Structures are given as structure tokens and as C-alpha cells.
Amino acid sequence: MPAAQGAAVAALDAAVHAWDIAVATGRRLPLADALAEGLEGVGAFLIPFVRDSFGKFSAAVPVADDAGPAAKLLALSGRDPRWAPAAG
């Protein structure tokens, strides 16, 4: 794998899991649209490939057509971009 592709895969993994940790712990650390836009290409290829080959992502979550790049990337990875932990 070329270094640039490997770096993009690692960045995708880090960005999505940072969002997971942030929202699970009630922190406001959104995935920036600019970063998500930069990861769109690798995400569009890698997420469906890993989901179909290894079952490591949930099914894509539907989002509005006008959703931003971050919401679309999270939704593609099976995450609901509107998710928040239960209050209480």
C-alpha cells in the first residue's frame, strides 16, 4: 500500500474513533467537515470493502441529502451523527 493511502486509512480510523470517544463521554468534539471531506475518498472505498469483507462496520445510516461531509462520513460508517448518550 502506498504511504499516502496508508496515512489516509489511519487518519480515517483515528477521526471516526475520536468522534466515538468524544460523543460517548459527552464531549463536544465534532468531526470537522473539512477533515471529513479530505477522508471522503478513502472512506467511500474502505468502509464498504471492510463492511462487506469482514463485517466490521454496521449498515450505513440514512442522512438527509443536504447533510454535511462529516455527517455523511459518519453515517457511511454505520454511526448516527445525531447520536448522544442518554441524559441522566
PDB file of N, CA and C in Angstrom:
ATOM      1  N   MET A   1       0.847  -1.170   0.000  1.00  0.00           N
ATOM      2  CA  MET A   1       0.000   0.000   0.000  1.00  0.00           C
ATOM      3  C   MET A   1       0.896   1.238   0.000  1.00  0.00           C
ATOM      4  N   PRO A   2       0.647   2.169  -0.887  1.00  0.00           N
ATOM      5  CA  PRO A   2       1.433   3.411  -0.890  1.00  0.00           C
ATOM      6  C   PRO A   2       1.276   4.172   0.431  1.00  0.00           C
ATOM      7  N   ALA A   3       2.312   4.864   0.814  1.00  0.00           N
ATOM      8  CA  ALA A   3       2.315   5.580   2.092  1.00  0.00           C
ATOM      9  C   ALA A   3       1.143   6.545   2.220  1.00  0.00           C
ATOM     10  N   ALA A   4       0.815   7.261   1.159  1.00  0.00           N
ATOM     11  CA  ALA A   4      -0.292   8.228   1.223  1.00  0.00           C
ATOM     12  C   ALA A   4      -1.614   7.525   1.512  1.00  0.00           C
ATOM     13  N   GLN A   5      -1.839   6.368   0.916  1.00  0.00           N
ATOM     14  CA  GLN A   5      -3.069   5.619   1.183  1.00  0.00           C
ATOM     15  C   GLN A   5      -3.081   5.091   2.611  1.00  0.00           C
ATOM     16  N   GLY A   6      -1.948   4.592   3.074  1.00  0.00           N
ATOM     17  CA  GLY A   6      -1.860   4.115   4.453  1.00  0.00           C
ATOM     18  C   GLY A   6      -2.135   5.224   5.450  1.00  0.00           C
ATOM     19  N   ALA A   7      -1.601   6.391   5.174  1.00  0.00           N
ATOM     20  CA  ALA A   7      -1.841   7.538   6.058  1.00  0.00           C
ATOM     21  C   ALA A   7      -3.315   7.926   6.053  1.00  0.00           C
ATOM     22  N   ALA A   8      -3.956   7.874   4.884  1.00  0.00           N
ATOM     23  CA  ALA A   8      -5.379   8.214   4.794  1.00  0.00           C
ATOM     24  C   ALA A   8      -6.229   7.208   5.565  1.00  0.00           C
ATOM     25  N   VAL A   9      -5.889   5.931   5.474  1.00  0.00           N
ATOM     26  CA  VAL A   9      -6.614   4.899   6.221  1.00  0.00           C
ATOM     27  C   VAL A   9      -6.457   5.136   7.724  1.00  0.00           C
ATOM     28  N   ALA A  10      -5.251   5.412   8.167  1.00  0.00           N
ATOM     29  CA  ALA A  10      -5.009   5.678   9.589  1.00  0.00           C
ATOM     30  C   ALA A  10      -5.753   6.926  10.048  1.00  0.00           C
ATOM     31  N   ALA A  11      -5.778   7.958   9.206  1.00  0.00           N
ATOM     32  CA  ALA A  11      -6.496   9.185   9.559  1.00  0.00           C
ATOM     33  C   ALA A  11      -7.992   8.937   9.661  1.00  0.00           C
ATOM     34  N   LEU A  12      -8.527   8.136   8.761  1.00  0.00           N
ATOM     35  CA  LEU A  12      -9.953   7.789   8.820  1.00  0.00           C
ATOM     36  C   LEU A  12     -10.264   7.069  10.121  1.00  0.00           C
ATOM     37  N   ASP A  13      -9.463   6.082  10.452  1.00  0.00           N
ATOM     38  CA  ASP A  13      -9.652   5.320  11.689  1.00  0.00           C
ATOM     39  C   ASP A  13      -9.584   6.239  12.911  1.00  0.00           C
ATOM     40  N   ALA A  14      -8.585   7.084  12.958  1.00  0.00           N
ATOM     41  CA  ALA A  14      -8.420   7.985  14.103  1.00  0.00           C
ATOM     42  C   ALA A  14      -9.568   8.979  14.204  1.00  0.00           C
ATOM     43  N   ALA A  15      -9.980   9.537  13.091  1.00  0.00           N
ATOM     44  CA  ALA A  15     -11.045  10.548  13.105  1.00  0.00           C
ATOM     45  C   ALA A  15     -12.372   9.963  13.575  1.00  0.00           C
ATOM     46  N   VAL A  16     -12.721   8.802  13.049  1.00  0.00           N
ATOM     47  CA  VAL A  16     -14.000   8.194  13.408  1.00  0.00           C
ATOM     48  C   VAL A  16     -13.986   7.736  14.868  1.00  0.00           C
ATOM     49  N   HIS A  17     -12.894   7.136  15.314  1.00  0.00           N
ATOM     50  CA  HIS A  17     -12.845   6.670  16.705  1.00  0.00           C
ATOM     51  C   HIS A  17     -12.720   7.832  17.689  1.00  0.00           C
ATOM     52  N   ALA A  18     -12.095   8.915  17.293  1.00  0.00           N
ATOM     53  CA  ALA A  18     -12.073  10.103  18.162  1.00  0.00           C
ATOM     54  C   ALA A  18     -13.491  10.632  18.350  1.00  0.00           C
ATOM     55  N   TRP A  19     -14.272  10.631  17.282  1.00  0.00           N
ATOM     56  CA  TRP A  19     -15.678  11.045  17.384  1.00  0.00           C
ATOM     57  C   TRP A  19     -16.428  10.085  18.308  1.00  0.00           C
ATOM     58  N   ASP A  20     -16.216   8.770  18.152  1.00  0.00           N
ATOM     59  CA  ASP A  20     -16.867   7.778  19.012  1.00  0.00           C
ATOM     60  C   ASP A  20     -16.611   8.077  20.485  1.00  0.00           C
ATOM     61  N   ILE A  21     -15.356   8.266  20.817  1.00  0.00           N
ATOM     62  CA  ILE A  21     -14.976   8.501  22.213  1.00  0.00           C
ATOM     63  C   ILE A  21     -15.552   9.815  22.718  1.00  0.00           C
ATOM     64  N   ALA A  22     -15.461  10.842  21.904  1.00  0.00           N
ATOM     65  CA  ALA A  22     -15.973  12.156  22.318  1.00  0.00           C
ATOM     66  C   ALA A  22     -17.464  12.106  22.616  1.00  0.00           C
ATOM     67  N   VAL A  23     -18.261  11.581  21.710  1.00  0.00           N
ATOM     68  CA  VAL A  23     -19.709  11.585  21.949  1.00  0.00           C
ATOM     69  C   VAL A  23     -20.101  10.612  23.050  1.00  0.00           C
ATOM     70  N   ALA A  24     -19.398   9.488  23.170  1.00  0.00           N
ATOM     71  CA  ALA A  24     -19.719   8.520  24.225  1.00  0.00           C
ATOM     72  C   ALA A  24     -19.457   9.076  25.617  1.00  0.00           C
ATOM     73  N   THR A  25     -18.525  10.008  25.706  1.00  0.00           N
ATOM     74  CA  THR A  25     -18.193  10.596  27.001  1.00  0.00           C
ATOM     75  C   THR A  25     -18.817  11.979  27.192  1.00  0.00           C
ATOM     76  N   GLY A  26     -19.735  12.337  26.286  1.00  0.00           N
ATOM     77  CA  GLY A  26     -20.454  13.600  26.427  1.00  0.00           C
ATOM     78  C   GLY A  26     -19.640  14.831  26.068  1.00  0.00           C
ATOM     79  N   ARG A  27     -18.557  14.657  25.375  1.00  0.00           N
ATOM     80  CA  ARG A  27     -17.723  15.797  24.980  1.00  0.00           C
ATOM     81  C   ARG A  27     -18.209  16.344  23.652  1.00  0.00           C
ATOM     82  N   ARG A  28     -18.052  17.610  23.468  1.00  0.00           N
ATOM     83  CA  ARG A  28     -18.432  18.245  22.201  1.00  0.00           C
ATOM     84  C   ARG A  28     -17.179  18.367  21.351  1.00  0.00           C
ATOM     85  N   LEU A  29     -16.904  17.327  20.584  1.00  0.00           N
ATOM     86  CA  LEU A  29     -15.746  17.318  19.703  1.00  0.00           C
ATOM     87  C   LEU A  29     -16.202  16.766  18.363  1.00  0.00           C
ATOM     88  N   PRO A  30     -16.877  17.613  17.583  1.00  0.00           N
ATOM     89  CA  PRO A  30     -17.410  17.110  16.328  1.00  0.00           C
ATOM     90  C   PRO A  30     -16.296  16.782  15.334  1.00  0.00           C
ATOM     91  N   LEU A  31     -16.616  15.916  14.422  1.00  0.00           N
ATOM     92  CA  LEU A  31     -15.722  15.634  13.307  1.00  0.00           C
ATOM     93  C   LEU A  31     -15.862  16.816  12.357  1.00  0.00           C
ATOM     94  N   ALA A  32     -14.780  17.503  12.094  1.00  0.00           N
ATOM     95  CA  ALA A  32     -14.818  18.696  11.245  1.00  0.00           C
ATOM     96  C   ALA A  32     -15.154  18.316   9.806  1.00  0.00           C
ATOM     97  N   ASP A  33     -16.001  19.119   9.185  1.00  0.00           N
ATOM     98  CA  ASP A  33     -16.365  18.880   7.789  1.00  0.00           C
ATOM     99  C   ASP A  33     -15.140  18.890   6.881  1.00  0.00           C
ATOM    100  N   ALA A  34     -14.205  19.779   7.145  1.00  0.00           N
ATOM    101  CA  ALA A  34     -13.011  19.862   6.296  1.00  0.00           C
ATOM    102  C   ALA A  34     -12.205  18.564   6.359  1.00  0.00           C
ATOM    103  N   LEU A  35     -12.063  17.990   7.540  1.00  0.00           N
ATOM    104  CA  LEU A  35     -11.353  16.721   7.677  1.00  0.00           C
ATOM    105  C   LEU A  35     -12.131  15.603   7.001  1.00  0.00           C
ATOM    106  N   ALA A  36     -13.439  15.557   7.244  1.00  0.00           N
ATOM    107  CA  ALA A  36     -14.272  14.520   6.642  1.00  0.00           C
ATOM    108  C   ALA A  36     -14.229  14.600   5.119  1.00  0.00           C
ATOM    109  N   GLU A  37     -14.212  15.796   4.603  1.00  0.00           N
ATOM    110  CA  GLU A  37     -14.134  15.983   3.157  1.00  0.00           C
ATOM    111  C   GLU A  37     -12.831  15.397   2.604  1.00  0.00           C
ATOM    112  N   GLY A  38     -11.751  15.602   3.333  1.00  0.00           N
ATOM    113  CA  GLY A  38     -10.466  15.047   2.921  1.00  0.00           C
ATOM    114  C   GLY A  38     -10.407  13.533   3.014  1.00  0.00           C
ATOM    115  N   LEU A  39     -11.250  12.946   3.847  1.00  0.00           N
ATOM    116  CA  LEU A  39     -11.267  11.495   4.035  1.00  0.00           C
ATOM    117  C   LEU A  39     -12.348  10.806   3.214  1.00  0.00           C
ATOM    118  N   GLU A  40     -13.119  11.601   2.489  1.00  0.00           N
ATOM    119  CA  GLU A  40     -14.256  11.072   1.741  1.00  0.00           C
ATOM    120  C   GLU A  40     -13.856   9.970   0.754  1.00  0.00           C
ATOM    121  N   GLY A  41     -12.796  10.191   0.012  1.00  0.00           N
ATOM    122  CA  GLY A  41     -12.376   9.211  -0.993  1.00  0.00           C
ATOM    123  C   GLY A  41     -11.993   7.879  -0.391  1.00  0.00           C
ATOM    124  N   VAL A  42     -11.134   7.905   0.619  1.00  0.00           N
ATOM    125  CA  VAL A  42     -10.717   6.653   1.251  1.00  0.00           C
ATOM    126  C   VAL A  42     -11.897   6.009   1.971  1.00  0.00           C
ATOM    127  N   GLY A  43     -12.766   6.814   2.575  1.00  0.00           N
ATOM    128  CA  GLY A  43     -13.931   6.264   3.258  1.00  0.00           C
ATOM    129  C   GLY A  43     -14.900   5.590   2.312  1.00  0.00           C
ATOM    130  N   ALA A  44     -15.123   6.202   1.163  1.00  0.00           N
ATOM    131  CA  ALA A  44     -16.063   5.649   0.180  1.00  0.00           C
ATOM    132  C   ALA A  44     -15.609   4.288  -0.330  1.00  0.00           C
ATOM    133  N   PHE A  45     -14.306   4.070  -0.386  1.00  0.00           N
ATOM    134  CA  PHE A  45     -13.784   2.773  -0.805  1.00  0.00           C
ATOM    135  C   PHE A  45     -13.654   1.807   0.370  1.00  0.00           C
ATOM    136  N   LEU A  46     -12.984   2.274   1.431  1.00  0.00           N
ATOM    137  CA  LEU A  46     -12.593   1.380   2.514  1.00  0.00           C
ATOM    138  C   LEU A  46     -13.772   0.883   3.347  1.00  0.00           C
ATOM    139  N   ILE A  47     -14.683   1.768   3.713  1.00  0.00           N
ATOM    140  CA  ILE A  47     -15.775   1.366   4.607  1.00  0.00           C
ATOM    141  C   ILE A  47     -16.640   0.267   3.985  1.00  0.00           C
ATOM    142  N   PRO A  48     -17.136   0.430   2.752  1.00  0.00           N
ATOM    143  CA  PRO A  48     -17.914  -0.676   2.178  1.00  0.00           C
ATOM    144  C   PRO A  48     -17.091  -1.966   2.004  1.00  0.00           C
ATOM    145  N   PHE A  49     -15.822  -1.835   1.641  1.00  0.00           N
ATOM    146  CA  PHE A  49     -14.969  -3.015   1.479  1.00  0.00           C
ATOM    147  C   PHE A  49     -14.828  -3.766   2.802  1.00  0.00           C
ATOM    148  N   VAL A  50     -14.533  -3.059   3.871  1.00  0.00           N
ATOM    149  CA  VAL A  50     -14.358  -3.701   5.182  1.00  0.00           C
ATOM    150  C   VAL A  50     -15.689  -4.251   5.686  1.00  0.00           C
ATOM    151  N   ARG A  51     -16.778  -3.513   5.464  1.00  0.00           N
ATOM    152  CA  ARG A  51     -18.096  -3.990   5.885  1.00  0.00           C
ATOM    153  C   ARG A  51     -18.438  -5.296   5.161  1.00  0.00           C
ATOM    154  N   ASP A  52     -18.273  -5.296   3.845  1.00  0.00           N
ATOM    155  CA  ASP A  52     -18.652  -6.469   3.059  1.00  0.00           C
ATOM    156  C   ASP A  52     -17.699  -7.647   3.258  1.00  0.00           C
ATOM    157  N   SER A  53     -16.428  -7.375   3.442  1.00  0.00           N
ATOM    158  CA  SER A  53     -15.432  -8.443   3.552  1.00  0.00           C
ATOM    159  C   SER A  53     -15.287  -8.995   4.961  1.00  0.00           C
ATOM    160  N   PHE A  54     -15.412  -8.124   5.960  1.00  0.00           N
ATOM    161  CA  PHE A  54     -15.101  -8.535   7.323  1.00  0.00           C
ATOM    162  C   PHE A  54     -16.212  -8.252   8.337  1.00  0.00           C
ATOM    163  N   GLY A  55     -17.282  -7.572   7.920  1.00  0.00           N
ATOM    164  CA  GLY A  55     -18.396  -7.279   8.816  1.00  0.00           C
ATOM    165  C   GLY A  55     -18.032  -6.354   9.958  1.00  0.00           C
ATOM    166  N   LYS A  56     -17.097  -5.448   9.734  1.00  0.00           N
ATOM    167  CA  LYS A  56     -16.604  -4.602  10.823  1.00  0.00           C
ATOM    168  C   LYS A  56     -17.296  -3.250  10.939  1.00  0.00           C
ATOM    169  N   PHE A  57     -18.200  -2.919  10.033  1.00  0.00           N
ATOM    170  CA  PHE A  57     -18.990  -1.697  10.148  1.00  0.00           C
ATOM    171  C   PHE A  57     -20.454  -2.089  10.087  1.00  0.00           C
ATOM    172  N   SER A  58     -21.296  -1.359  10.795  1.00  0.00           N
ATOM    173  CA  SER A  58     -22.738  -1.565  10.682  1.00  0.00           C
ATOM    174  C   SER A  58     -23.214  -1.013   9.350  1.00  0.00           C
ATOM    175  N   ALA A  59     -24.441  -1.303   9.017  1.00  0.00           N
ATOM    176  CA  ALA A  59     -25.031  -0.755   7.794  1.00  0.00           C
ATOM    177  C   ALA A  59     -25.018   0.769   7.860  1.00  0.00           C
ATOM    178  N   ALA A  60     -24.918   1.375   6.700  1.00  0.00           N
ATOM    179  CA  ALA A  60     -24.939   2.838   6.634  1.00  0.00           C
ATOM    180  C   ALA A  60     -26.251   3.366   7.208  1.00  0.00           C
ATOM    181  N   VAL A  61     -26.157   4.502   7.869  1.00  0.00           N
ATOM    182  CA  VAL A  61     -27.309   5.166   8.472  1.00  0.00           C
ATOM    183  C   VAL A  61     -27.810   6.217   7.488  1.00  0.00           C
ATOM    184  N   PRO A  62     -29.110   6.285   7.243  1.00  0.00           N
ATOM    185  CA  PRO A  62     -29.592   7.308   6.315  1.00  0.00           C
ATOM    186  C   PRO A  62     -29.423   8.715   6.897  1.00  0.00           C
ATOM    187  N   VAL A  63     -29.023   9.643   6.045  1.00  0.00           N
ATOM    188  CA  VAL A  63     -28.947  11.059   6.418  1.00  0.00           C
ATOM    189  C   VAL A  63     -29.576  11.876   5.288  1.00  0.00           C
ATOM    190  N   ALA A  64     -29.911  13.084   5.588  1.00  0.00           N
ATOM    191  CA  ALA A  64     -30.512  13.973   4.595  1.00  0.00           C
ATOM    192  C   ALA A  64     -29.534  14.232   3.447  1.00  0.00           C
ATOM    193  N   ASP A  65     -30.075  14.466   2.279  1.00  0.00           N
ATOM    194  CA  ASP A  65     -29.238  14.759   1.109  1.00  0.00           C
ATOM    195  C   ASP A  65     -28.343  15.963   1.329  1.00  0.00           C
ATOM    196  N   ASP A  66     -28.811  16.915   2.132  1.00  0.00           N
ATOM    197  CA  ASP A  66     -28.029  18.135   2.355  1.00  0.00           C
ATOM    198  C   ASP A  66     -27.140  18.047   3.597  1.00  0.00           C
ATOM    199  N   ALA A  67     -26.971  16.845   4.134  1.00  0.00           N
ATOM    200  CA  ALA A  67     -26.086  16.663   5.289  1.00  0.00           C
ATOM    201  C   ALA A  67     -24.659  17.038   4.899  1.00  0.00           C
ATOM    202  N   GLY A  68     -23.903  17.504   5.862  1.00  0.00           N
ATOM    203  CA  GLY A  68     -22.522  17.893   5.613  1.00  0.00           C
ATOM    204  C   GLY A  68     -21.606  16.691   5.461  1.00  0.00           C
ATOM    205  N   PRO A  69     -20.363  16.934   5.045  1.00  0.00           N
ATOM    206  CA  PRO A  69     -19.409  15.846   4.836  1.00  0.00           C
ATOM    207  C   PRO A  69     -19.170  14.980   6.074  1.00  0.00           C
ATOM    208  N   ALA A  70     -19.103  15.587   7.254  1.00  0.00           N
ATOM    209  CA  ALA A  70     -18.862  14.798   8.464  1.00  0.00           C
ATOM    210  C   ALA A  70     -20.036  13.874   8.750  1.00  0.00           C
ATOM    211  N   ALA A  71     -21.251  14.392   8.656  1.00  0.00           N
ATOM    212  CA  ALA A  71     -22.438  13.570   8.898  1.00  0.00           C
ATOM    213  C   ALA A  71     -22.505  12.431   7.896  1.00  0.00           C
ATOM    214  N   LYS A  72     -22.171  12.700   6.642  1.00  0.00           N
ATOM    215  CA  LYS A  72     -22.211  11.655   5.616  1.00  0.00           C
ATOM    216  C   LYS A  72     -21.155  10.580   5.865  1.00  0.00           C
ATOM    217  N   LEU A  73     -19.961  10.982   6.267  1.00  0.00           N
ATOM    218  CA  LEU A  73     -18.905  10.006   6.538  1.00  0.00           C
ATOM    219  C   LEU A  73     -19.262   9.147   7.751  1.00  0.00           C
ATOM    220  N   LEU A  74     -19.751   9.773   8.807  1.00  0.00           N
ATOM    221  CA  LEU A  74     -20.152   9.014   9.987  1.00  0.00           C
ATOM    222  C   LEU A  74     -21.282   8.056   9.656  1.00  0.00           C
ATOM    223  N   ALA A  75     -22.255   8.529   8.895  1.00  0.00           N
ATOM    224  CA  ALA A  75     -23.389   7.686   8.508  1.00  0.00           C
ATOM    225  C   ALA A  75     -22.933   6.508   7.648  1.00  0.00           C
ATOM    226  N   LEU A  76     -22.008   6.752   6.731  1.00  0.00           N
ATOM    227  CA  LEU A  76     -21.471   5.673   5.902  1.00  0.00           C
ATOM    228  C   LEU A  76     -20.830   4.597   6.771  1.00  0.00           C
ATOM    229  N   SER A  77     -20.207   5.016   7.862  1.00  0.00           N
ATOM    230  CA  SER A  77     -19.532   4.066   8.750  1.00  0.00           C
ATOM    231  C   SER A  77     -20.480   3.385   9.736  1.00  0.00           C
ATOM    232  N   GLY A  78     -21.790   3.633   9.581  1.00  0.00           N
ATOM    233  CA  GLY A  78     -22.774   2.989  10.446  1.00  0.00           C
ATOM    234  C   GLY A  78     -23.052   3.737  11.727  1.00  0.00           C
ATOM    235  N   ARG A  79     -22.564   4.959  11.824  1.00  0.00           N
ATOM    236  CA  ARG A  79     -22.780   5.778  13.013  1.00  0.00           C
ATOM    237  C   ARG A  79     -23.865   6.796  12.731  1.00  0.00           C
ATOM    238  N   ASP A  80     -24.702   7.026  13.730  1.00  0.00           N
ATOM    239  CA  ASP A  80     -25.726   8.068  13.613  1.00  0.00           C
ATOM    240  C   ASP A  80     -25.092   9.373  14.038  1.00  0.00           C
ATOM    241  N   PRO A  81     -24.892  10.313  13.137  1.00  0.00           N
ATOM    242  CA  PRO A  81     -24.217  11.560  13.502  1.00  0.00           C
ATOM    243  C   PRO A  81     -24.976  12.389  14.531  1.00  0.00           C
ATOM    244  N   ARG A  82     -26.232  12.058  14.763  1.00  0.00           N
ATOM    245  CA  ARG A  82     -27.035  12.791  15.767  1.00  0.00           C
ATOM    246  C   ARG A  82     -27.012  12.101  17.130  1.00  0.00           C
ATOM    247  N   TRP A  83     -26.316  10.966  17.235  1.00  0.00           N
ATOM    248  CA  TRP A  83     -26.326  10.190  18.475  1.00  0.00           C
ATOM    249  C   TRP A  83     -25.705  10.973  19.621  1.00  0.00           C
ATOM    250  N   ALA A  84     -26.268  10.801  20.785  1.00  0.00           N
ATOM    251  CA  ALA A  84     -25.710  11.365  22.022  1.00  0.00           C
ATOM    252  C   ALA A  84     -26.057  10.379  23.140  1.00  0.00           C
ATOM    253  N   PRO A  85     -25.236  10.329  24.192  1.00  0.00           N
ATOM    254  CA  PRO A  85     -25.559   9.428  25.306  1.00  0.00           C
ATOM    255  C   PRO A  85     -26.833   9.882  25.999  1.00  0.00           C
ATOM    256  N   ALA A  86     -27.525   8.949  26.590  1.00  0.00           N
ATOM    257  CA  ALA A  86     -28.751   9.273  27.310  1.00  0.00           C
ATOM    258  C   ALA A  86     -28.464  10.202  28.472  1.00  0.00           C
ATOM    259  N   ALA A  87     -29.316  11.174  28.662  1.00  0.00           N
ATOM    260  CA  ALA A  87     -29.144  12.113  29.784  1.00  0.00           C
ATOM    261  C   ALA A  87     -29.458  11.375  31.084  1.00  0.00           C
ATOM    262  N   GLY A  88     -28.776  11.811  32.128  1.00  0.00           N
ATOM    263  CA  GLY A  88     -29.115  11.228  33.416  1.00  0.00           C
ATOM    264  C   GLY A  88     -27.977  10.755  34.098  1.00  0.00           C
TER     265      GLY A  88
END
